[in-house]
Amino acid sequence: MKYTTPFLSAALLVCAALRVQAYDGTNCKAPGECWEPKPGFPDKIAGSQYDPKHDPAELNKQSQSIKAMEERNRKRHENVVKTGKFVYKVEDIK
């Protein structure tokens, strides 16, 4: 009886480890290609209910703000070259 308990617990641990290692919950086509869509998800997203339909004005906000920032920095740089003083507020540049 002394020896059967450790062997039994070791055997249970090995079985549990093999089960955990054997199934990862996905059906992979190749290693690393395990994405599976949910049932009913369309092959083509454009025009479906999953299409986000982004507003072009919303998408261009960041590029517009970057252009405005570059313009302000250009004015600051021109002022530093001309006067030798850095002015943060573009409105104060004469």
N, C-alpha and C. Protein backbone atom coordinates (compact mmCIF):
# COMPACT_ATOMS: atom_id res chain seq x y z
N MET A 1 0.81 -1.19 0.00
CA MET A 1 0.00 0.00 0.00
C MET A 1 0.86 1.25 0.00
N LYS A 2 2.04 1.16 0.57
CA LYS A 2 2.92 2.31 0.63
C LYS A 2 3.29 2.81 -0.76
N TYR A 3 3.57 1.89 -1.65
CA TYR A 3 4.09 2.26 -2.96
C TYR A 3 3.00 2.55 -3.99
N THR A 4 1.81 2.09 -3.78
CA THR A 4 0.77 2.27 -4.79
C THR A 4 0.25 3.71 -4.84
N THR A 5 0.18 4.40 -3.73
CA THR A 5 -0.34 5.77 -3.72
C THR A 5 0.54 6.72 -4.54
N PRO A 6 1.86 6.74 -4.36
CA PRO A 6 2.68 7.64 -5.19
C PRO A 6 2.62 7.27 -6.67
N PHE A 7 2.62 6.00 -6.97
CA PHE A 7 2.56 5.59 -8.38
C PHE A 7 1.22 5.95 -9.01
N LEU A 8 0.15 5.78 -8.25
CA LEU A 8 -1.18 6.11 -8.75
C LEU A 8 -1.30 7.62 -8.99
N SER A 9 -0.82 8.42 -8.06
CA SER A 9 -0.90 9.88 -8.24
C SER A 9 0.00 10.33 -9.39
N ALA A 10 1.15 9.70 -9.57
CA ALA A 10 2.02 10.04 -10.69
C ALA A 10 1.37 9.68 -12.01
N ALA A 11 0.71 8.55 -12.07
CA ALA A 11 0.03 8.13 -13.29
C ALA A 11 -1.12 9.08 -13.63
N LEU A 12 -1.85 9.54 -12.63
CA LEU A 12 -2.93 10.50 -12.86
C LEU A 12 -2.39 11.83 -13.37
N LEU A 13 -1.27 12.27 -12.83
CA LEU A 13 -0.65 13.51 -13.29
C LEU A 13 -0.19 13.40 -14.74
N VAL A 14 0.38 12.27 -15.10
CA VAL A 14 0.82 12.06 -16.48
C VAL A 14 -0.37 12.06 -17.43
N CYS A 15 -1.45 11.41 -17.06
CA CYS A 15 -2.66 11.38 -17.91
C CYS A 15 -3.23 12.78 -18.07
N ALA A 16 -3.28 13.54 -17.00
CA ALA A 16 -3.81 14.90 -17.08
C ALA A 16 -2.92 15.77 -17.96
N ALA A 17 -1.62 15.62 -17.83
CA ALA A 17 -0.70 16.41 -18.64
C ALA A 17 -0.84 16.08 -20.12
N LEU A 18 -1.02 14.81 -20.44
CA LEU A 18 -1.19 14.42 -21.84
C LEU A 18 -2.49 14.98 -22.41
N ARG A 19 -3.55 14.99 -21.63
CA ARG A 19 -4.82 15.53 -22.12
C ARG A 19 -4.71 17.03 -22.38
N VAL A 20 -4.08 17.74 -21.48
CA VAL A 20 -3.93 19.18 -21.64
C VAL A 20 -3.06 19.48 -22.85
N GLN A 21 -2.04 18.75 -23.05
CA GLN A 21 -1.12 18.97 -24.15
C GLN A 21 -1.73 18.58 -25.50
N ALA A 22 -2.61 17.61 -25.51
CA ALA A 22 -3.11 17.09 -26.77
C ALA A 22 -4.16 17.98 -27.42
N TYR A 23 -4.99 18.67 -26.66
CA TYR A 23 -6.08 19.45 -27.24
C TYR A 23 -5.93 20.92 -26.85
N ASP A 24 -5.89 21.79 -27.86
CA ASP A 24 -5.79 23.23 -27.57
C ASP A 24 -7.07 23.97 -27.95
N GLY A 25 -8.12 23.29 -28.37
CA GLY A 25 -9.40 23.92 -28.63
C GLY A 25 -9.56 24.45 -30.03
N THR A 26 -8.61 24.23 -30.92
CA THR A 26 -8.70 24.76 -32.28
C THR A 26 -8.41 23.66 -33.28
N ASN A 27 -8.82 23.90 -34.50
CA ASN A 27 -8.47 23.02 -35.61
C ASN A 27 -7.55 23.81 -36.53
N CYS A 28 -6.28 23.57 -36.44
CA CYS A 28 -5.31 24.37 -37.19
C CYS A 28 -5.07 23.74 -38.57
N LYS A 29 -5.07 24.61 -39.62
CA LYS A 29 -4.71 24.15 -40.95
C LYS A 29 -3.22 23.89 -41.04
N ALA A 30 -2.45 24.77 -40.41
CA ALA A 30 -0.99 24.66 -40.34
C ALA A 30 -0.58 25.27 -39.01
N PRO A 31 0.63 25.03 -38.55
CA PRO A 31 1.06 25.65 -37.29
C PRO A 31 0.98 27.16 -37.38
N GLY A 32 0.24 27.76 -36.46
CA GLY A 32 0.07 29.21 -36.45
C GLY A 32 -1.13 29.71 -37.21
N GLU A 33 -1.81 28.86 -37.98
CA GLU A 33 -3.01 29.25 -38.73
C GLU A 33 -4.21 28.59 -38.08
N CYS A 34 -4.63 29.13 -36.95
CA CYS A 34 -5.68 28.50 -36.17
C CYS A 34 -6.95 29.34 -36.08
N TRP A 35 -7.03 30.45 -36.80
CA TRP A 35 -8.21 31.30 -36.71
C TRP A 35 -9.38 30.62 -37.39
N GLU A 36 -10.50 30.57 -36.69
CA GLU A 36 -11.71 30.00 -37.25
C GLU A 36 -12.84 30.98 -37.03
N PRO A 37 -13.59 31.33 -38.07
CA PRO A 37 -14.73 32.23 -37.86
C PRO A 37 -15.86 31.50 -37.14
N LYS A 38 -16.68 32.29 -36.47
CA LYS A 38 -17.85 31.70 -35.83
C LYS A 38 -18.82 31.25 -36.91
N PRO A 39 -19.68 30.31 -36.61
CA PRO A 39 -20.66 29.87 -37.61
C PRO A 39 -21.56 31.03 -38.04
N GLY A 40 -21.74 31.17 -39.35
CA GLY A 40 -22.56 32.24 -39.89
C GLY A 40 -21.79 33.49 -40.25
N PHE A 41 -20.49 33.53 -39.95
CA PHE A 41 -19.67 34.70 -40.29
C PHE A 41 -19.39 34.67 -41.79
N PRO A 42 -19.59 35.80 -42.52
CA PRO A 42 -19.45 35.77 -43.98
C PRO A 42 -18.00 35.70 -44.43
N ASP A 43 -17.77 35.17 -45.64
CA ASP A 43 -16.43 35.13 -46.20
C ASP A 43 -15.94 36.52 -46.58
N LYS A 44 -16.85 37.35 -47.08
CA LYS A 44 -16.52 38.71 -47.48
C LYS A 44 -17.24 39.68 -46.54
N ILE A 45 -16.48 40.55 -45.88
CA ILE A 45 -17.06 41.43 -44.87
C ILE A 45 -17.73 42.65 -45.50
N ALA A 46 -17.17 43.17 -46.60
CA ALA A 46 -17.72 44.37 -47.24
C ALA A 46 -19.16 44.12 -47.67
N GLY A 47 -20.06 45.01 -47.23
CA GLY A 47 -21.46 44.90 -47.57
C GLY A 47 -22.26 44.01 -46.65
N SER A 48 -21.62 43.36 -45.69
CA SER A 48 -22.34 42.50 -44.75
C SER A 48 -22.70 43.30 -43.51
N GLN A 49 -23.34 42.66 -42.57
CA GLN A 49 -23.69 43.33 -41.32
C GLN A 49 -22.46 43.62 -40.47
N TYR A 50 -21.32 43.01 -40.77
CA TYR A 50 -20.09 43.22 -40.01
C TYR A 50 -19.23 44.34 -40.61
N ASP A 51 -19.66 44.94 -41.71
CA ASP A 51 -18.92 46.02 -42.36
C ASP A 51 -18.99 47.26 -41.47
N PRO A 52 -17.83 47.83 -41.05
CA PRO A 52 -17.88 48.96 -40.12
C PRO A 52 -18.34 50.27 -40.76
N LYS A 53 -18.25 50.44 -42.07
CA LYS A 53 -18.70 51.63 -42.78
C LYS A 53 -18.13 52.89 -42.14
N HIS A 54 -16.82 53.03 -42.16
CA HIS A 54 -16.15 54.19 -41.55
C HIS A 54 -16.42 55.46 -42.34
N ASP A 55 -16.55 56.56 -41.63
CA ASP A 55 -16.74 57.87 -42.24
C ASP A 55 -15.37 58.40 -42.68
N PRO A 56 -15.19 58.78 -43.95
CA PRO A 56 -13.88 59.28 -44.41
C PRO A 56 -13.41 60.51 -43.65
N ALA A 57 -14.33 61.37 -43.23
CA ALA A 57 -13.93 62.56 -42.47
C ALA A 57 -13.32 62.16 -41.13
N GLU A 58 -13.88 61.13 -40.49
CA GLU A 58 -13.32 60.66 -39.22
C GLU A 58 -11.94 60.04 -39.42
N LEU A 59 -11.77 59.32 -40.52
CA LEU A 59 -10.48 58.69 -40.77
C LEU A 59 -9.40 59.71 -41.10
N ASN A 60 -9.76 60.87 -41.65
CA ASN A 60 -8.78 61.88 -42.03
C ASN A 60 -8.45 62.86 -40.92
N LYS A 61 -9.08 62.77 -39.78
CA LYS A 61 -8.83 63.72 -38.69
C LYS A 61 -7.37 63.71 -38.26
N GLN A 62 -6.77 62.55 -38.13
CA GLN A 62 -5.39 62.48 -37.65
C GLN A 62 -4.44 63.07 -38.68
N SER A 63 -4.64 62.78 -39.96
CA SER A 63 -3.73 63.33 -40.97
C SER A 63 -3.88 64.84 -41.05
N GLN A 64 -5.09 65.37 -40.85
CA GLN A 64 -5.28 66.82 -40.86
C GLN A 64 -4.60 67.47 -39.67
N SER A 65 -4.68 66.85 -38.50
CA SER A 65 -4.03 67.42 -37.32
C SER A 65 -2.51 67.36 -37.46
N ILE A 66 -1.98 66.34 -38.10
CA ILE A 66 -0.54 66.25 -38.31
C ILE A 66 -0.08 67.34 -39.27
N LYS A 67 -0.85 67.60 -40.32
CA LYS A 67 -0.50 68.68 -41.25
C LYS A 67 -0.51 70.03 -40.55
N ALA A 68 -1.50 70.28 -39.69
CA ALA A 68 -1.56 71.53 -38.94
C ALA A 68 -0.38 71.65 -37.99
N MET A 69 0.02 70.55 -37.34
CA MET A 69 1.17 70.56 -36.44
C MET A 69 2.44 70.88 -37.20
N GLU A 70 2.62 70.28 -38.38
CA GLU A 70 3.82 70.54 -39.18
C GLU A 70 3.87 72.00 -39.64
N GLU A 71 2.72 72.57 -39.95
CA GLU A 71 2.67 73.98 -40.34
C GLU A 71 3.06 74.89 -39.17
N ARG A 72 2.55 74.60 -37.98
CA ARG A 72 2.94 75.40 -36.80
C ARG A 72 4.43 75.27 -36.54
N ASN A 73 4.97 74.05 -36.65
CA ASN A 73 6.40 73.86 -36.41
C ASN A 73 7.24 74.58 -37.45
N ARG A 74 6.76 74.63 -38.70
CA ARG A 74 7.48 75.36 -39.75
C ARG A 74 7.54 76.85 -39.41
N LYS A 75 6.41 77.41 -38.95
CA LYS A 75 6.39 78.83 -38.57
C LYS A 75 7.32 79.09 -37.39
N ARG A 76 7.33 78.20 -36.40
CA ARG A 76 8.22 78.36 -35.25
C ARG A 76 9.68 78.32 -35.68
N HIS A 77 10.00 77.38 -36.56
CA HIS A 77 11.38 77.25 -37.04
C HIS A 77 11.82 78.49 -37.81
N GLU A 78 10.95 79.00 -38.68
CA GLU A 78 11.28 80.22 -39.42
C GLU A 78 11.52 81.39 -38.48
N ASN A 79 10.72 81.47 -37.42
CA ASN A 79 10.88 82.55 -36.45
C ASN A 79 12.19 82.42 -35.69
N VAL A 80 12.57 81.20 -35.31
CA VAL A 80 13.83 81.00 -34.59
C VAL A 80 15.01 81.37 -35.48
N VAL A 81 14.96 80.99 -36.74
CA VAL A 81 16.05 81.31 -37.66
C VAL A 81 16.14 82.82 -37.85
N LYS A 82 14.99 83.49 -37.95
CA LYS A 82 14.97 84.93 -38.22
C LYS A 82 15.33 85.76 -36.99
N THR A 83 14.78 85.43 -35.81
CA THR A 83 14.98 86.25 -34.62
C THR A 83 15.96 85.66 -33.62
N GLY A 84 16.14 84.37 -33.62
CA GLY A 84 17.02 83.72 -32.64
C GLY A 84 16.30 83.37 -31.36
N LYS A 85 15.01 83.66 -31.26
CA LYS A 85 14.22 83.34 -30.06
C LYS A 85 13.12 82.35 -30.44
N PHE A 86 12.90 81.39 -29.54
CA PHE A 86 11.84 80.41 -29.76
C PHE A 86 10.55 80.91 -29.13
N VAL A 87 9.50 80.97 -29.91
CA VAL A 87 8.17 81.37 -29.43
C VAL A 87 7.25 80.18 -29.63
N TYR A 88 6.63 79.70 -28.52
CA TYR A 88 5.77 78.54 -28.60
C TYR A 88 4.45 78.86 -29.26
N LYS A 89 3.82 79.95 -28.84
CA LYS A 89 2.51 80.30 -29.39
C LYS A 89 2.68 80.90 -30.77
N VAL A 90 2.12 80.26 -31.77
CA VAL A 90 2.24 80.71 -33.16
C VAL A 90 1.53 82.04 -33.32
N GLU A 91 0.49 82.31 -32.53
CA GLU A 91 -0.24 83.57 -32.63
C GLU A 91 0.64 84.75 -32.24
N ASP A 92 1.63 84.54 -31.38
CA ASP A 92 2.51 85.63 -30.95
C ASP A 92 3.61 85.93 -31.94
N ILE A 93 3.79 85.11 -32.96
CA ILE A 93 4.84 85.34 -33.96
C ILE A 93 4.35 86.44 -34.89
N LYS A 94 5.19 87.46 -35.08
CA LYS A 94 4.82 88.61 -35.92
C LYS A 94 5.41 88.45 -37.31
